[in-house]
Each structure stands twice: as structure tokens, then as C-alpha cells.
Protein backbone atom coordinates (compact mmCIF):
# COMPACT_ATOMS: atom_id res chain seq x y z
CA MET A 1 -59.96 -9.29 -18.41
CA ASN A 2 -57.62 -6.31 -18.55
CA SER A 3 -58.60 -5.64 -15.04
CA ASN A 4 -57.53 -8.58 -13.96
CA MET A 5 -54.77 -8.91 -15.75
CA GLN A 6 -53.84 -4.81 -14.08
CA LYS A 7 -53.77 -6.94 -10.61
CA GLY A 8 -51.62 -9.46 -10.96
CA ASP A 9 -49.15 -7.67 -13.11
CA VAL A 10 -48.91 -5.53 -9.99
CA LYS A 11 -48.59 -8.70 -7.68
CA LYS A 12 -45.46 -10.26 -9.75
CA ALA A 13 -44.44 -6.56 -9.65
CA SER A 14 -44.40 -6.11 -5.98
CA ALA A 15 -43.03 -9.95 -5.88
CA LEU A 16 -40.34 -9.29 -7.74
CA MET A 17 -39.64 -5.96 -5.62
CA MET A 18 -39.41 -7.68 -2.77
CA CYS A 19 -37.47 -10.28 -3.35
CA THR A 20 -34.62 -7.92 -5.70
CA VAL A 21 -34.85 -5.95 -1.97
CA PHE A 22 -34.02 -9.44 -0.47
CA ALA A 23 -31.57 -10.43 -2.81
CA GLY A 24 -29.69 -6.47 -2.28
CA PHE A 25 -29.73 -7.27 1.57
CA LEU A 26 -27.72 -10.74 0.53
CA LEU A 27 -25.84 -8.48 -1.71
CA MET A 28 -25.03 -6.30 0.93
CA PHE A 29 -24.46 -8.54 3.85
CA ALA A 30 -21.76 -10.87 1.58
CA VAL A 31 -19.71 -7.25 0.00
CA GLY A 32 -19.44 -7.05 3.70
CA CYS A 33 -18.62 -10.32 4.75
CA ILE A 34 -15.84 -9.78 2.67
CA ALA A 35 -14.92 -6.02 2.79
CA ILE A 36 -14.84 -5.74 6.87
CA PRO A 37 -11.64 -7.10 8.17
CA PHE A 38 -12.31 -10.54 10.81
CA GLN A 39 -11.29 -8.14 13.83
CA GLY A 40 -11.27 -4.48 12.44
CA ILE A 41 -12.66 -1.69 14.04
CA ASN A 42 -15.86 0.00 13.86
CA ALA A 43 -14.42 3.77 14.38
CA VAL A 44 -17.86 5.63 13.82
CA GLU A 45 -19.44 3.29 17.62
CA GLN A 46 -15.83 3.01 19.11
CA ARG A 47 -15.68 -0.31 19.62
CA ASN A 48 -14.60 -4.03 17.91
CA TYR A 49 -16.82 -5.70 15.07
CA ALA A 50 -18.43 -9.09 16.24
CA GLU A 51 -16.15 -12.05 15.82
CA LYS A 52 -17.08 -15.11 13.95
CA PRO A 53 -19.24 -16.97 16.87
CA LYS A 54 -17.91 -20.45 17.74
CA LEU A 55 -20.51 -23.03 16.51
CA ASP A 56 -20.69 -26.63 19.08
CA ALA A 57 -23.42 -28.39 20.55
CA GLU A 58 -22.72 -26.21 23.99
CA SER A 59 -23.46 -22.27 21.93
CA LEU A 60 -26.35 -23.86 20.33
CA LYS A 61 -27.72 -25.29 23.71
CA ASP A 62 -27.55 -21.73 25.34
CA GLY A 63 -28.17 -19.68 22.80
CA SER A 64 -24.87 -17.97 22.62
CA PHE A 65 -24.48 -18.93 18.80
CA MET A 66 -27.70 -17.10 17.54
CA THR A 67 -27.03 -14.47 19.47
CA GLY A 68 -23.25 -14.14 18.13
CA LEU A 69 -24.42 -15.08 14.55
CA GLU A 70 -27.22 -11.65 15.01
CA ASP A 71 -24.56 -9.53 15.86
CA TYR A 72 -22.28 -11.00 13.95
CA LEU A 73 -23.97 -10.71 10.74
CA LYS A 74 -25.75 -6.75 11.53
CA ASP A 75 -22.01 -5.75 11.96
CA ARG A 76 -20.96 -7.78 8.38
CA LEU A 77 -24.34 -5.10 6.89
CA ILE A 78 -22.34 -2.75 4.54
CA PHE A 79 -23.05 0.68 4.87
CA ARG A 80 -23.51 0.04 8.21
CA PRO A 81 -21.33 3.61 10.22
CA GLN A 82 -23.60 5.60 7.53
CA LEU A 83 -26.89 4.03 7.82
CA VAL A 84 -25.79 4.04 12.44
CA MET A 85 -25.04 8.34 11.36
CA LEU A 86 -28.14 8.53 9.24
CA ARG A 87 -30.44 6.13 12.09
CA SER A 88 -28.91 9.21 14.72
CA ASP A 89 -29.43 11.90 11.96
CA LEU A 90 -32.96 10.96 12.16
CA ARG A 91 -33.50 11.02 15.60
CA SER A 92 -32.39 14.37 16.45
CA ILE A 93 -34.57 15.61 14.21
CA PHE A 94 -37.92 14.54 15.28
CA GLY A 95 -36.42 15.97 18.75
CA ARG A 96 -34.96 12.35 20.15
CA THR A 97 -32.45 11.82 23.01
CA VAL A 98 -29.43 9.93 21.37
CA PRO A 99 -29.45 7.45 23.66
CA ARG A 100 -31.79 8.82 26.14
CA LEU A 101 -29.10 10.26 28.14
CA VAL A 102 -27.42 11.95 25.08
CA TYR A 103 -29.03 15.06 23.65
CA SER A 104 -28.05 16.47 20.61
CA GLY A 105 -28.38 20.36 20.56
CA LYS A 106 -27.27 23.31 18.26
CA ASP A 107 -23.97 22.88 16.12
CA CYS A 108 -23.91 18.82 17.02
CA GLN A 109 -22.99 20.00 20.79
CA LEU A 110 -23.81 16.53 22.27
CA MET A 111 -24.25 16.82 26.71
CA LEU A 112 -25.09 14.29 29.24
CA ARG A 113 -28.65 14.78 30.71
CA SER A 114 -27.82 15.15 34.82
CA PHE A 115 -29.89 13.87 36.68
CA TYR A 116 -31.22 14.54 40.35
CA TYR A 117 -31.42 11.40 43.00
CA GLU A 118 -31.30 12.84 46.56
CA SER A 119 -31.40 9.40 48.33
CA GLU A 120 -27.78 9.34 45.88
CA LEU A 121 -26.73 12.48 46.97
CA LYS A 122 -27.44 12.42 50.58
CA GLU A 123 -25.38 8.92 50.14
CA ALA A 124 -22.77 10.86 48.44
CA ALA A 125 -21.94 13.55 50.71
CA ALA A 126 -22.11 10.73 53.94
CA SER A 127 -19.41 8.78 52.14
CA TYR A 128 -17.09 12.92 51.70
CA ARG A 129 -18.05 13.94 55.13
CA SER A 130 -17.27 10.59 57.01
CA PHE A 131 -14.00 10.64 55.50
CA ALA A 132 -13.07 14.10 55.87
CA GLU A 133 -14.12 13.60 59.90
CA LYS A 134 -11.58 10.95 60.29
CA HIS A 135 -8.12 13.30 58.78
CA SER A 136 -6.59 16.18 59.88
CA VAL A 137 -5.90 17.99 57.50
CA PRO A 138 -7.86 20.30 54.16
CA VAL A 139 -10.57 18.24 52.59
CA ASP A 140 -11.64 19.90 49.31
CA VAL A 141 -14.11 19.59 46.35
CA ILE A 142 -14.31 20.53 42.75
CA VAL A 143 -18.03 20.71 41.59
CA CYS A 144 -17.83 20.01 38.05
CA PRO A 145 -20.27 21.31 36.48
CA ASP A 146 -21.82 19.39 32.80
CA ALA A 147 -21.56 20.49 29.66
CA ALA A 148 -25.96 21.06 29.61
CA GLU A 149 -25.80 23.46 32.31
CA ILE A 150 -22.67 25.15 30.33
CA LEU A 151 -23.45 25.37 27.21
CA SER A 152 -28.14 25.17 28.25
CA GLU A 153 -28.46 27.48 25.06
CA GLN A 154 -27.70 24.95 23.05
CA LEU A 155 -29.89 22.84 24.37
CA PRO A 156 -33.17 21.45 21.99
CA ALA A 157 -36.23 22.46 22.82
CA GLY A 158 -37.44 20.26 25.01
CA ALA A 159 -34.83 19.08 26.61
CA VAL A 160 -35.83 18.50 30.32
CA THR A 161 -31.79 18.01 32.83
CA ALA A 162 -31.40 18.68 36.86
CA ASP A 163 -30.98 22.14 38.28
CA GLU A 164 -27.38 21.70 39.00
CA ASP A 165 -27.45 25.02 40.88
CA GLU A 166 -29.72 23.34 43.06
CA VAL A 167 -27.38 19.60 43.13
CA ALA A 168 -24.41 21.75 43.85
CA GLU A 169 -26.24 24.14 46.50
CA ARG A 170 -27.74 21.07 48.64
CA PHE A 171 -24.93 18.84 48.22
CA THR A 172 -22.60 22.06 50.10
CA ALA A 173 -25.87 22.00 52.98
CA ALA A 174 -25.38 17.98 53.21
CA VAL A 175 -21.47 17.31 53.64
CA GLY A 176 -21.44 20.94 56.37
CA ASP A 177 -18.58 21.98 57.68
CA SER A 178 -15.78 18.92 57.68
CA VAL A 179 -16.30 19.39 53.85
CA THR A 180 -14.56 22.16 51.47
CA VAL A 181 -16.65 22.49 48.57
CA TYR A 182 -15.93 24.64 45.12
CA TYR A 183 -18.46 25.46 42.81
CA PRO A 184 -16.88 26.40 39.38
CA LYS A 185 -20.04 27.84 37.11
CA GLU A 186 -19.48 31.37 37.20
CA GLU A 187 -15.25 30.85 35.97
CA ILE A 188 -16.21 28.59 33.39
CA ILE A 189 -18.73 31.44 32.24
CA ARG A 190 -16.54 33.36 32.24
CA MET A 191 -13.85 31.83 30.01
CA LYS A 192 -16.44 30.46 27.62
CA ASP A 193 -17.79 34.72 27.30
CA ALA A 194 -14.07 34.97 26.43
CA GLY A 195 -13.76 32.75 23.71
CA THR A 196 -12.67 29.89 25.00
CA GLN A 197 -14.29 26.32 24.10
CA VAL A 198 -14.75 24.49 27.64
CA TYR A 199 -16.11 21.72 26.42
CA TYR A 200 -15.77 19.20 23.51
CA ARG A 201 -18.43 19.31 21.12
CA THR A 202 -18.25 15.20 20.94
CA ASP A 203 -18.14 14.70 24.34
CA GLN A 204 -18.79 14.67 27.93
CA HIS A 205 -15.61 16.11 29.06
CA TRP A 206 -14.35 20.02 29.57
CA THR A 207 -11.23 21.04 27.35
CA THR A 208 -8.05 21.31 28.80
CA ASP A 209 -8.14 24.86 28.60
CA CYS A 210 -11.62 24.74 30.66
CA ALA A 211 -9.26 22.70 33.49
CA GLU A 212 -6.29 24.04 34.03
CA GLY A 213 -8.44 27.42 34.20
CA VAL A 214 -10.60 25.49 37.10
CA LEU A 215 -7.76 24.52 38.42
CA GLY A 216 -6.11 27.79 38.26
CA TRP A 217 -9.80 29.59 39.67
CA TYR A 218 -9.66 26.78 42.68
CA MET A 219 -6.02 26.57 43.22
CA GLU A 220 -6.29 30.89 43.56
CA GLN A 221 -9.19 30.09 46.73
CA ALA A 222 -7.88 27.67 48.45
CA GLY A 223 -4.44 29.78 49.15
CA ILE A 224 -1.99 26.86 47.29
CA PRO A 225 0.71 28.67 45.40
CA ARG A 226 1.64 27.36 41.98
CA PRO A 227 4.91 27.04 40.86
CA GLU A 228 6.08 28.49 37.09
CA VAL A 229 6.75 25.88 34.65
CA ASN A 230 7.43 26.15 30.69
CA TYR A 231 5.00 24.15 29.59
CA GLU A 232 5.02 22.79 26.18
CA ALA A 233 1.45 22.86 24.56
CA HIS A 234 0.73 20.10 21.87
CA TYR A 235 -2.46 19.82 19.59
CA GLN A 236 -4.20 16.92 18.22
CA GLY A 237 -7.15 17.11 15.74
CA ASN A 238 -9.57 14.59 14.58
CA PHE A 239 -10.53 13.41 18.02
CA TYR A 240 -14.33 12.49 18.30
CA GLY A 241 -15.13 10.77 22.22
CA ASN A 242 -17.12 8.69 24.69
CA LEU A 243 -20.27 10.90 23.58
CA TYR A 244 -20.02 10.19 19.36
CA SER A 245 -19.93 6.76 20.07
CA ALA A 246 -23.93 6.97 21.13
CA SER A 247 -24.89 9.40 18.05
CA PRO A 248 -23.01 9.88 15.37
CA SER A 249 -23.53 12.29 12.94
CA PHE A 250 -22.80 13.36 9.17
CA PHE A 251 -22.92 16.54 10.64
CA SER A 252 -20.39 16.32 13.69
CA THR A 253 -17.21 17.88 13.21
CA PRO A 254 -14.26 16.45 15.53
CA ASP A 255 -12.67 18.39 18.00
CA THR A 256 -9.10 19.09 18.74
CA ILE A 257 -7.55 18.07 22.42
CA LYS A 258 -4.51 19.47 23.87
CA TYR A 259 -2.36 18.21 26.65
CA TYR A 260 1.02 19.64 27.90
CA THR A 261 4.55 18.50 28.08
CA ASN A 262 6.50 19.37 30.56
CA PRO A 263 10.26 19.54 29.51
CA ALA A 264 11.84 20.23 33.39
CA GLY A 265 9.61 17.15 34.67
CA GLU A 266 10.67 14.41 36.61
CA TYR A 267 8.07 11.53 37.09
CA THR A 268 7.72 7.82 38.50
CA VAL A 269 4.24 6.68 37.75
CA THR A 270 2.94 3.61 39.89
CA LYS A 271 -0.47 1.99 38.75
CA SER A 272 -2.13 -0.62 41.24
CA GLY A 273 -1.95 -3.98 40.17
CA SER A 274 0.95 -3.14 38.11
CA SER A 275 4.78 -4.24 38.56
CA GLY A 276 5.91 -1.97 36.44
CA GLN A 277 7.15 1.78 36.87
CA THR A 278 6.56 4.64 33.51
CA ASP A 279 8.39 8.07 33.66
CA SER A 280 5.44 9.86 31.60
CA LEU A 281 1.78 11.01 32.15
CA LEU A 282 1.20 10.79 29.10
CA GLU A 283 -0.06 7.43 27.14
CA MET A 284 0.74 8.21 23.84
CA GLY A 285 -0.83 5.33 21.64
CA TRP A 286 -4.20 7.08 22.35
CA ILE A 287 -2.90 9.95 19.75
CA MET A 288 -3.93 7.51 16.96
CA LYS A 289 -7.23 6.00 18.15
CA LEU A 290 -10.66 8.37 17.64
CA ASN A 291 -10.84 9.01 21.48
CA LYS A 292 -8.12 10.70 22.44
CA TYR A 293 -8.73 11.99 25.99
CA ASN A 294 -7.54 8.78 27.19
CA ILE A 295 -3.83 10.47 26.69
CA PHE A 296 -4.13 11.11 30.05
CA LEU A 297 -2.66 7.73 31.70
CA GLY A 298 -5.14 5.85 29.75
CA GLY A 299 -8.12 7.10 31.19
CA VAL A 300 -8.89 4.17 33.21
CA PHE A 301 -7.08 3.53 36.82
CA GLU A 302 -7.71 2.11 40.16
CA ALA A 303 -4.99 4.15 41.68
CA VAL A 304 -1.48 5.67 40.81
CA HIS A 305 1.18 7.70 42.61
CA ILE A 306 3.08 9.93 41.15
CA ARG A 307 6.53 11.34 42.34
CA SER A 308 8.40 14.35 40.74
CA ASN A 309 10.68 16.98 41.10
CA ALA A 310 8.58 19.59 42.47
CA LYS A 311 8.28 21.32 46.32
CA GLY A 312 4.84 20.75 47.99
CA GLY A 313 4.19 18.01 49.73
CA LYS A 314 1.68 15.32 49.67
CA LEU A 315 -2.05 15.06 47.69
CA LEU A 316 -4.76 12.90 47.25
CA LEU A 317 -6.23 13.56 44.48
CA VAL A 318 -9.61 11.79 43.67
CA GLY A 319 -11.81 11.86 41.29
CA ASP A 320 -13.90 10.78 38.64
CA SER A 321 -12.41 11.13 34.39
CA TYR A 322 -12.72 15.06 34.85
CA VAL A 323 -9.67 15.01 36.25
CA MET A 324 -7.29 13.94 33.73
CA PRO A 325 -6.05 16.89 32.50
CA MET A 326 -5.75 18.19 35.90
CA VAL A 327 -2.95 15.36 36.70
CA GLN A 328 0.23 16.41 34.75
CA LEU A 329 -0.44 20.27 36.05
CA LEU A 330 -0.82 18.34 40.37
CA ALA A 331 1.84 16.99 39.92
CA ASP A 332 3.56 19.72 39.13
CA CYS A 333 3.01 21.43 42.02
CA PHE A 334 3.44 18.27 44.61
CA GLU A 335 5.69 16.34 45.03
CA GLU A 336 3.95 13.12 45.19
CA VAL A 337 0.03 13.01 44.04
CA LEU A 338 -1.71 9.41 44.96
CA LEU A 339 -4.64 9.66 42.09
CA VAL A 340 -7.78 7.24 42.92
CA ASP A 341 -10.92 7.00 40.85
CA ASN A 342 -13.66 6.86 43.12
CA ARG A 343 -16.12 5.20 40.49
CA GLN A 344 -14.03 1.99 40.50
CA MET A 345 -14.01 1.66 44.28
CA PRO A 346 -17.24 -0.17 44.95
CA ARG A 347 -16.97 -1.67 41.25
CA ARG A 348 -13.62 -3.61 42.61
CA GLY A 349 -14.72 -4.24 46.04
CA VAL A 350 -11.82 -1.24 46.96
CA ASP A 351 -12.50 1.14 49.05
CA LEU A 352 -10.19 4.78 50.04
CA GLU A 353 -8.37 4.08 52.89
CA GLY A 354 -6.94 0.68 51.85
CA LEU A 355 -5.62 1.83 48.42
CA MET A 356 -4.29 5.09 50.44
CA GLY A 357 -2.20 2.40 52.26
CA ASP A 358 0.40 4.20 55.02
CA PHE A 359 0.06 7.44 52.19
CA GLU A 360 -0.28 10.31 54.54
CA PRO A 361 -1.59 13.05 52.42
CA ASP A 362 -0.95 17.35 53.58
CA ARG A 363 -4.05 17.54 50.97
CA VAL A 364 -6.68 15.90 49.59
CA LEU A 365 -8.94 17.00 46.39
CA PHE A 366 -12.09 15.76 45.03
CA VAL A 367 -12.96 16.47 41.52
CA ASN A 368 -16.14 14.95 40.60
CA THR A 369 -19.41 16.40 38.07
CA VAL A 370 -22.55 17.17 39.34
CA TYR A 371 -24.17 14.33 36.64
CA GLN A 372 -21.78 11.38 39.14
CA ILE A 373 -22.43 13.35 42.63
CA SER A 374 -26.10 13.05 42.18
CA GLY A 375 -26.55 10.07 40.17
CA GLY A 376 -24.81 7.30 42.24
CA ALA A 377 -22.06 7.15 40.47
CA VAL A 378 -19.85 8.64 43.48
CA LYS A 379 -20.30 7.32 46.97
CA GLY A 380 -19.09 4.21 49.82
CA PHE A 381 -15.45 5.37 49.71
């Protein structure tokens, strides 16, 4: 009888515990609904919290109400940011990437995993070659190595990533003689060995110091004169980049971003699709946000026409987001710069020739990472 009573007590205790846990979750949701703003910002995941879904016959019929309600309730779970960071840290401890494209290495260094698809590389190379053969001006490509290539000693055990040296070599051979390829790996390693932080810890991009060093190296190699400019350097801390939102951690430390202003510089900046103009290459509103890398022209662009008081001809500058810290510096080297984001062209159904219009460059510079070239993001321009 005592045995039966003990079993009954255990069942009651288990049931009570389950009820307590369930009630605790309900309380957490209730507190979250009150504490979390309706349209607040989820700083850890760098996105807006899900809005309350609209309940009507159509949303019930197509299932969007239930999906929206699930997202809304998950976002209202109190301590959600801390739970997301805990999950990320546990995955890293057990050697799992967060997500599969991102490695969390030593000292919480976040790095993108590189891929090599031969068909994608050949298609990208054909696009560069075809463009260069149509234009009788120098066409250069800076192929930027990714952090995983330069900081390979910080990769977690068992990490698998493409051999970017091999990718750069195959790309150089594929584009032929009509394009001059610059692969600045040795220059970046030299800067790293000299104590320069060359890549952000929480973001996939190279730092402003690294971008400036590579640009100076390229211009020297290409024989392009660089004027003396008395820049004012500015630093802003509390920078958490793109990769942090995918793999947040309790142990991550924020980066500091550096940007320049030129007191003597005069600029007229026109973005495609916009009737207005500005006199600044920086969008300072991003300084107050976590992902401060977008301070450079807002981060997202299709085509931007920059006129300055510099002397140096016209430059067609095409690239991915790695090119952004270079824009300020190049605007002080050329009187006109047409900046084009080659990643946007296939998405928006436009091509490079159409965006150029009557712009006739004296030189063309592409700036793309190995990740973009060999992963299929650069093609069809």
C-alpha cells in the first residue's frame, strides 16, 4: 500500500511540475506581450519584432493568421534574446555552425564558409571577360579573400571551406588577358602580422583599415596616382555586424568601425531611382544602429553617381558590399565615380550597360569577394 501511495505521490508531483512549467511559459508570454513594444526592435537578431496578425476570413483561410500568430507569440517570449544567444553558444560548443554558412571560431570570430562551384565561377568569369572585350579601357578586378582564408588559424576544429587561393587562380585563368586580376591575400596577411585588425569579429566584411590598405596596394600596382588628402578619422564602437545576428553569443565583444571625412571634399551624390541629391557619402543615421557598416551610402544601392572636386578622370566602380569603405577614398581620386552593386542587377532585371547609360569611364574597377564570385552571386552583367 505504501508503494502504491508513493507511486501516486510521484505522479501527482510530476503532474504538478508539468502544470507549473506550463503556467510559467504562459506567464513568460504574458509578461513578454506587455514588456516588448508592439513594433520594437529585436537588437540581438537585428530585425523588427513580428507584428500582431490581422484576423479575418481571408487570413484564416490561407493560414497566414496562424503563421503570423506563431511568429508573434515566439517574439513575445520574455528572455527570447538570451535564449537565442544560449542556443547559439551551445551549438558552437558542440562544433555546429550557426547557421550552416557561418563558423564561430576562436575568440568568437565569426566567418563565412566559402564554397567553390566551378560552373558558377566560369559564368562569373565569362561576364567579366565579355564586358572587358566591349570596352577599350583598363578593366581590373580585386578578388578579395574572405576572413576564413586569412584567419584560418581561428576556424573551429573540423571546419570545411574552399581553398580560395585555388579559386582565385582558376578565376584569373578563366577571365583571360582582357581583365587584370589583383588578389591581395599577401598584402592583407602583411597588415594582419603588423597588428592591424583586418576583419570584423561580428561581421563578414574587412575593416576600413584593411580596405584602405588594399586600395593603396592596388593603386600602386596599377600605377594610379593617389592624391594627398588630409582626412579626419572617426571611430564608433558598439558595432555588431551581419554575422552576429545569425550567431549571437554571450561572449561576443562589439567591434569599432572607422570612417573618414574630408573637410576639403565637395561631393554631389545621386542614387538611381531618386530625384534628390546629397552632398555626403555617409548616412549618419546608421551610427545609432547596431549594424553600423551601412553608414557607407546606406549599404544598399543599385547605382550611385558621385561627382567631386577631385582631378582624375572617370571611374566605373562595380562590386559587392566590400567596396563600400573604398568609395570615400576613390571619390577623392576621380572627378566622377559611377558605383554599381552587381548583386542587385539580376534581382532587379537590369544590366550594367543599361545602368551606365552615357557614362564613359576612363577605368573600370570590380571589387568582389571569392565567396561572391565562386558562390554564384556575380554573373549576368
